[in-house]
């Protein structure tokens, strides 16, 4: 028996990209992944919706 080199599900998730977005209302930063981009995200600090047109690509997750 061999030891797996990656955790289960690695192959389905290895192409995800990480984005960091700042809330335009309060400046709090939130990290999301490319498979969550079409979902609505609310700022944990002020409760406003985060505008993803202000996001920057940080790298692959």
PDB file of N, CA and C in Angstrom:
ATOM      1  N   UNK A   1       0.850  -1.184   0.000  1.00  0.00           N
ATOM      2  CA  UNK A   1       0.000   0.000   0.000  1.00  0.00           C
ATOM      3  C   UNK A   1       0.893   1.244   0.000  1.00  0.00           C
ATOM      4  N   UNK A   2       0.534   2.234  -0.792  1.00  0.00           N
ATOM      5  CA  UNK A   2       1.331   3.460  -0.872  1.00  0.00           C
ATOM      6  C   UNK A   2       0.626   4.600  -0.157  1.00  0.00           C
ATOM      7  N   UNK A   3       1.395   5.553   0.272  1.00  0.00           N
ATOM      8  CA  UNK A   3       0.857   6.726   0.946  1.00  0.00           C
ATOM      9  C   UNK A   3       0.464   7.763  -0.102  1.00  0.00           C
ATOM     10  N   UNK A   4      -0.764   8.311  -0.045  1.00  0.00           N
ATOM     11  CA  UNK A   4      -1.170   9.341  -1.011  1.00  0.00           C
ATOM     12  C   UNK A   4      -0.268  10.574  -0.902  1.00  0.00           C
ATOM     13  N   UNK A   5       0.026  11.197  -2.039  1.00  0.00           N
ATOM     14  CA  UNK A   5       0.870  12.389  -2.060  1.00  0.00           C
ATOM     15  C   UNK A   5       0.075  13.668  -1.810  1.00  0.00           C
ATOM     16  N   UNK A   6      -1.232  13.610  -1.972  1.00  0.00           N
ATOM     17  CA  UNK A   6      -2.088  14.786  -1.790  1.00  0.00           C
ATOM     18  C   UNK A   6      -3.334  14.394  -1.009  1.00  0.00           C
ATOM     19  N   UNK A   7      -3.987  15.376  -0.439  1.00  0.00           N
ATOM     20  CA  UNK A   7      -5.230  15.112   0.276  1.00  0.00           C
ATOM     21  C   UNK A   7      -6.338  14.739  -0.709  1.00  0.00           C
ATOM     22  N   UNK A   8      -7.386  14.048  -0.241  1.00  0.00           N
ATOM     23  CA  UNK A   8      -8.505  13.696  -1.127  1.00  0.00           C
ATOM     24  C   UNK A   8      -9.138  14.949  -1.728  1.00  0.00           C
ATOM     25  N   UNK A   9      -9.468  14.897  -2.986  1.00  0.00           N
ATOM     26  CA  UNK A   9     -10.090  16.031  -3.659  1.00  0.00           C
ATOM     27  C   UNK A   9      -9.108  17.018  -4.253  1.00  0.00           C
ATOM     28  N   UNK A  10      -7.813  16.772  -4.090  1.00  0.00           N
ATOM     29  CA  UNK A  10      -6.795  17.697  -4.576  1.00  0.00           C
ATOM     30  C   UNK A  10      -6.931  17.966  -6.067  1.00  0.00           C
ATOM     31  N   UNK A  11      -7.153  16.934  -6.858  1.00  0.00           N
ATOM     32  CA  UNK A  11      -7.186  17.091  -8.313  1.00  0.00           C
ATOM     33  C   UNK A  11      -8.331  17.979  -8.777  1.00  0.00           C
ATOM     34  N   UNK A  12      -9.467  17.959  -8.073  1.00  0.00           N
ATOM     35  CA  UNK A  12     -10.595  18.798  -8.455  1.00  0.00           C
ATOM     36  C   UNK A  12     -10.363  20.260  -8.082  1.00  0.00           C
ATOM     37  N   UNK A  13      -9.503  20.511  -7.096  1.00  0.00           N
ATOM     38  CA  UNK A  13      -9.328  21.866  -6.569  1.00  0.00           C
ATOM     39  C   UNK A  13      -7.994  22.511  -6.930  1.00  0.00           C
ATOM     40  N   UNK A  14      -7.100  21.795  -7.582  1.00  0.00           N
ATOM     41  CA  UNK A  14      -5.751  22.321  -7.782  1.00  0.00           C
ATOM     42  C   UNK A  14      -5.681  23.501  -8.742  1.00  0.00           C
ATOM     43  N   UNK A  15      -6.727  23.769  -9.506  1.00  0.00           N
ATOM     44  CA  UNK A  15      -6.697  24.885 -10.448  1.00  0.00           C
ATOM     45  C   UNK A  15      -7.418  26.124  -9.927  1.00  0.00           C
ATOM     46  N   UNK A  16      -7.836  26.097  -8.673  1.00  0.00           N
ATOM     47  CA  UNK A  16      -8.505  27.263  -8.099  1.00  0.00           C
ATOM     48  C   UNK A  16      -7.540  28.428  -7.976  1.00  0.00           C
ATOM     49  N   UNK A  17      -8.057  29.624  -8.130  1.00  0.00           N
ATOM     50  CA  UNK A  17      -7.286  30.840  -7.945  1.00  0.00           C
ATOM     51  C   UNK A  17      -7.806  31.559  -6.705  1.00  0.00           C
ATOM     52  N   UNK A  18      -6.934  32.245  -6.022  1.00  0.00           N
ATOM     53  CA  UNK A  18      -7.273  32.984  -4.819  1.00  0.00           C
ATOM     54  C   UNK A  18      -7.355  34.469  -5.151  1.00  0.00           C
ATOM     55  N   UNK A  19      -8.405  35.133  -4.682  1.00  0.00           N
ATOM     56  CA  UNK A  19      -8.581  36.563  -4.888  1.00  0.00           C
ATOM     57  C   UNK A  19      -8.710  37.238  -3.533  1.00  0.00           C
ATOM     58  N   UNK A  20      -8.119  38.387  -3.398  1.00  0.00           N
ATOM     59  CA  UNK A  20      -8.308  39.195  -2.197  1.00  0.00           C
ATOM     60  C   UNK A  20      -9.066  40.448  -2.604  1.00  0.00           C
ATOM     61  N   UNK A  21     -10.142  40.710  -1.877  1.00  0.00           N
ATOM     62  CA  UNK A  21     -10.993  41.853  -2.179  1.00  0.00           C
ATOM     63  C   UNK A  21     -11.111  42.731  -0.944  1.00  0.00           C
ATOM     64  N   UNK A  22     -11.058  44.027  -1.159  1.00  0.00           N
ATOM     65  CA  UNK A  22     -11.256  44.964  -0.055  1.00  0.00           C
ATOM     66  C   UNK A  22     -12.651  45.554  -0.165  1.00  0.00           C
ATOM     67  N   UNK A  23     -13.308  45.633   0.962  1.00  0.00           N
ATOM     68  CA  UNK A  23     -14.615  46.268   1.036  1.00  0.00           C
ATOM     69  C   UNK A  23     -14.418  47.760   0.751  1.00  0.00           C
ATOM     70  N   UNK A  24     -15.197  48.304  -0.179  1.00  0.00           N
ATOM     71  CA  UNK A  24     -15.057  49.723  -0.510  1.00  0.00           C
ATOM     72  C   UNK A  24     -15.603  50.611   0.595  1.00  0.00           C
ATOM     73  N   UNK A  25     -16.423  50.068   1.476  1.00  0.00           N
ATOM     74  CA  UNK A  25     -16.991  50.862   2.567  1.00  0.00           C
ATOM     75  C   UNK A  25     -16.040  51.008   3.752  1.00  0.00           C
ATOM     76  N   UNK A  26     -15.378  49.891   4.159  1.00  0.00           N
ATOM     77  CA  UNK A  26     -14.561  49.950   5.378  1.00  0.00           C
ATOM     78  C   UNK A  26     -13.109  49.531   5.179  1.00  0.00           C
ATOM     79  N   UNK A  27     -12.775  48.928   4.030  1.00  0.00           N
ATOM     80  CA  UNK A  27     -11.407  48.529   3.757  1.00  0.00           C
ATOM     81  C   UNK A  27     -11.015  47.150   4.255  1.00  0.00           C
ATOM     82  N   UNK A  28     -11.921  46.434   4.919  1.00  0.00           N
ATOM     83  CA  UNK A  28     -11.628  45.071   5.407  1.00  0.00           C
ATOM     84  C   UNK A  28     -11.382  44.155   4.214  1.00  0.00           C
ATOM     85  N   UNK A  29     -10.344  43.332   4.287  1.00  0.00           N
ATOM     86  CA  UNK A  29      -9.979  42.444   3.196  1.00  0.00           C
ATOM     87  C   UNK A  29     -10.613  41.070   3.388  1.00  0.00           C
ATOM     88  N   UNK A  30     -11.065  40.469   2.278  1.00  0.00           N
ATOM     89  CA  UNK A  30     -11.656  39.131   2.303  1.00  0.00           C
ATOM     90  C   UNK A  30     -11.041  38.322   1.175  1.00  0.00           C
ATOM     91  N   UNK A  31     -10.705  37.072   1.471  1.00  0.00           N
ATOM     92  CA  UNK A  31     -10.160  36.169   0.469  1.00  0.00           C
ATOM     93  C   UNK A  31     -11.273  35.254  -0.031  1.00  0.00           C
ATOM     94  N   UNK A  32     -11.371  35.118  -1.353  1.00  0.00           N
ATOM     95  CA  UNK A  32     -12.305  34.160  -1.948  1.00  0.00           C
ATOM     96  C   UNK A  32     -11.550  33.352  -2.988  1.00  0.00           C
ATOM     97  N   UNK A  33     -12.144  32.265  -3.414  1.00  0.00           N
ATOM     98  CA  UNK A  33     -11.550  31.419  -4.429  1.00  0.00           C
ATOM     99  C   UNK A  33     -12.384  31.490  -5.697  1.00  0.00           C
ATOM    100  N   UNK A  34     -11.766  31.160  -6.829  1.00  0.00           N
ATOM    101  CA  UNK A  34     -12.406  31.331  -8.123  1.00  0.00           C
ATOM    102  C   UNK A  34     -13.719  30.566  -8.261  1.00  0.00           C
ATOM    103  N   UNK A  35     -13.919  29.487  -7.524  1.00  0.00           N
ATOM    104  CA  UNK A  35     -15.188  28.764  -7.607  1.00  0.00           C
ATOM    105  C   UNK A  35     -16.295  29.435  -6.788  1.00  0.00           C
ATOM    106  N   UNK A  36     -15.967  30.498  -6.049  1.00  0.00           N
ATOM    107  CA  UNK A  36     -16.943  31.239  -5.247  1.00  0.00           C
ATOM    108  C   UNK A  36     -17.261  32.604  -5.857  1.00  0.00           C
ATOM    109  N   UNK A  37     -16.681  32.889  -7.012  1.00  0.00           N
ATOM    110  CA  UNK A  37     -16.772  34.226  -7.585  1.00  0.00           C
ATOM    111  C   UNK A  37     -18.206  34.649  -7.921  1.00  0.00           C
ATOM    112  N   UNK A  38     -19.044  33.695  -8.309  1.00  0.00           N
ATOM    113  CA  UNK A  38     -20.416  34.036  -8.693  1.00  0.00           C
ATOM    114  C   UNK A  38     -21.369  34.125  -7.504  1.00  0.00           C
ATOM    115  N   UNK A  39     -20.860  33.931  -6.291  1.00  0.00           N
ATOM    116  CA  UNK A  39     -21.688  34.032  -5.085  1.00  0.00           C
ATOM    117  C   UNK A  39     -21.619  35.447  -4.514  1.00  0.00           C
ATOM    118  N   UNK A  40     -22.638  35.833  -3.781  1.00  0.00           N
ATOM    119  CA  UNK A  40     -22.642  37.111  -3.085  1.00  0.00           C
ATOM    120  C   UNK A  40     -21.844  36.959  -1.790  1.00  0.00           C
ATOM    121  N   UNK A  41     -20.947  37.912  -1.544  1.00  0.00           N
ATOM    122  CA  UNK A  41     -20.151  37.898  -0.314  1.00  0.00           C
ATOM    123  C   UNK A  41     -20.384  39.198   0.448  1.00  0.00           C
ATOM    124  N   UNK A  42     -20.586  39.050   1.725  1.00  0.00           N
ATOM    125  CA  UNK A  42     -20.860  40.182   2.603  1.00  0.00           C
ATOM    126  C   UNK A  42     -19.638  40.422   3.489  1.00  0.00           C
ATOM    127  N   UNK A  43     -19.279  41.675   3.667  1.00  0.00           N
ATOM    128  CA  UNK A  43     -18.157  42.052   4.515  1.00  0.00           C
ATOM    129  C   UNK A  43     -18.464  41.686   5.966  1.00  0.00           C
ATOM    130  N   UNK A  44     -17.516  41.009   6.616  1.00  0.00           N
ATOM    131  CA  UNK A  44     -17.711  40.604   8.005  1.00  0.00           C
ATOM    132  C   UNK A  44     -17.574  41.777   8.972  1.00  0.00           C
ATOM    133  N   UNK A  45     -16.997  42.873   8.505  1.00  0.00           N
ATOM    134  CA  UNK A  45     -16.785  44.040   9.362  1.00  0.00           C
ATOM    135  C   UNK A  45     -18.002  44.977   9.372  1.00  0.00           C
ATOM    136  N   UNK A  46     -18.474  45.363   8.172  1.00  0.00           N
ATOM    137  CA  UNK A  46     -19.535  46.376   8.107  1.00  0.00           C
ATOM    138  C   UNK A  46     -20.876  45.849   7.577  1.00  0.00           C
ATOM    139  N   UNK A  47     -20.874  44.644   6.990  1.00  0.00           N
ATOM    140  CA  UNK A  47     -22.124  44.058   6.519  1.00  0.00           C
ATOM    141  C   UNK A  47     -22.523  44.433   5.109  1.00  0.00           C
ATOM    142  N   UNK A  48     -21.714  45.221   4.412  1.00  0.00           N
ATOM    143  CA  UNK A  48     -22.024  45.593   3.031  1.00  0.00           C
ATOM    144  C   UNK A  48     -21.550  44.515   2.065  1.00  0.00           C
ATOM    145  N   UNK A  49     -22.173  44.478   0.870  1.00  0.00           N
ATOM    146  CA  UNK A  49     -21.761  43.538  -0.155  1.00  0.00           C
ATOM    147  C   UNK A  49     -20.413  43.979  -0.730  1.00  0.00           C
ATOM    148  N   UNK A  50     -19.519  43.010  -0.989  1.00  0.00           N
ATOM    149  CA  UNK A  50     -18.199  43.316  -1.532  1.00  0.00           C
ATOM    150  C   UNK A  50     -18.277  43.403  -3.046  1.00  0.00           C
ATOM    151  N   UNK A  51     -17.684  44.466  -3.604  1.00  0.00           N
ATOM    152  CA  UNK A  51     -17.659  44.705  -5.050  1.00  0.00           C
ATOM    153  C   UNK A  51     -16.453  43.984  -5.652  1.00  0.00           C
ATOM    154  N   UNK A  52     -16.707  42.893  -6.383  1.00  0.00           N
ATOM    155  CA  UNK A  52     -15.618  42.083  -6.920  1.00  0.00           C
ATOM    156  C   UNK A  52     -14.923  42.713  -8.112  1.00  0.00           C
ATOM    157  N   UNK A  53     -15.396  43.824  -8.630  1.00  0.00           N
ATOM    158  CA  UNK A  53     -14.660  44.514  -9.692  1.00  0.00           C
ATOM    159  C   UNK A  53     -13.391  45.146  -9.133  1.00  0.00           C
ATOM    160  N   UNK A  54     -13.238  45.156  -7.794  1.00  0.00           N
ATOM    161  CA  UNK A  54     -12.065  45.717  -7.129  1.00  0.00           C
ATOM    162  C   UNK A  54     -11.069  44.630  -6.702  1.00  0.00           C
ATOM    163  N   UNK A  55     -11.291  43.378  -7.097  1.00  0.00           N
ATOM    164  CA  UNK A  55     -10.449  42.263  -6.677  1.00  0.00           C
ATOM    165  C   UNK A  55      -9.134  42.227  -7.428  1.00  0.00           C
ATOM    166  N   UNK A  56      -8.147  41.588  -6.788  1.00  0.00           N
ATOM    167  CA  UNK A  56      -6.858  41.351  -7.453  1.00  0.00           C
ATOM    168  C   UNK A  56      -6.484  39.895  -7.288  1.00  0.00           C
ATOM    169  N   UNK A  57      -5.922  39.304  -8.342  1.00  0.00           N
ATOM    170  CA  UNK A  57      -5.490  37.924  -8.305  1.00  0.00           C
ATOM    171  C   UNK A  57      -4.241  37.809  -7.456  1.00  0.00           C
ATOM    172  N   UNK A  58      -4.256  36.893  -6.491  1.00  0.00           N
ATOM    173  CA  UNK A  58      -3.119  36.729  -5.591  1.00  0.00           C
ATOM    174  C   UNK A  58      -2.277  35.520  -5.945  1.00  0.00           C
ATOM    175  N   UNK A  59      -2.860  34.469  -6.504  1.00  0.00           N
ATOM    176  CA  UNK A  59      -2.092  33.270  -6.830  1.00  0.00           C
ATOM    177  C   UNK A  59      -2.973  32.056  -6.864  1.00  0.00           C
ATOM    178  N   UNK A  60      -2.372  30.924  -7.130  1.00  0.00           N
ATOM    179  CA  UNK A  60      -3.143  29.701  -7.167  1.00  0.00           C
ATOM    180  C   UNK A  60      -3.219  29.087  -5.785  1.00  0.00           C
ATOM    181  N   UNK A  61      -4.376  28.569  -5.465  1.00  0.00           N
ATOM    182  CA  UNK A  61      -4.589  27.955  -4.153  1.00  0.00           C
ATOM    183  C   UNK A  61      -4.351  26.471  -4.241  1.00  0.00           C
TER     184      UNK A  61
END
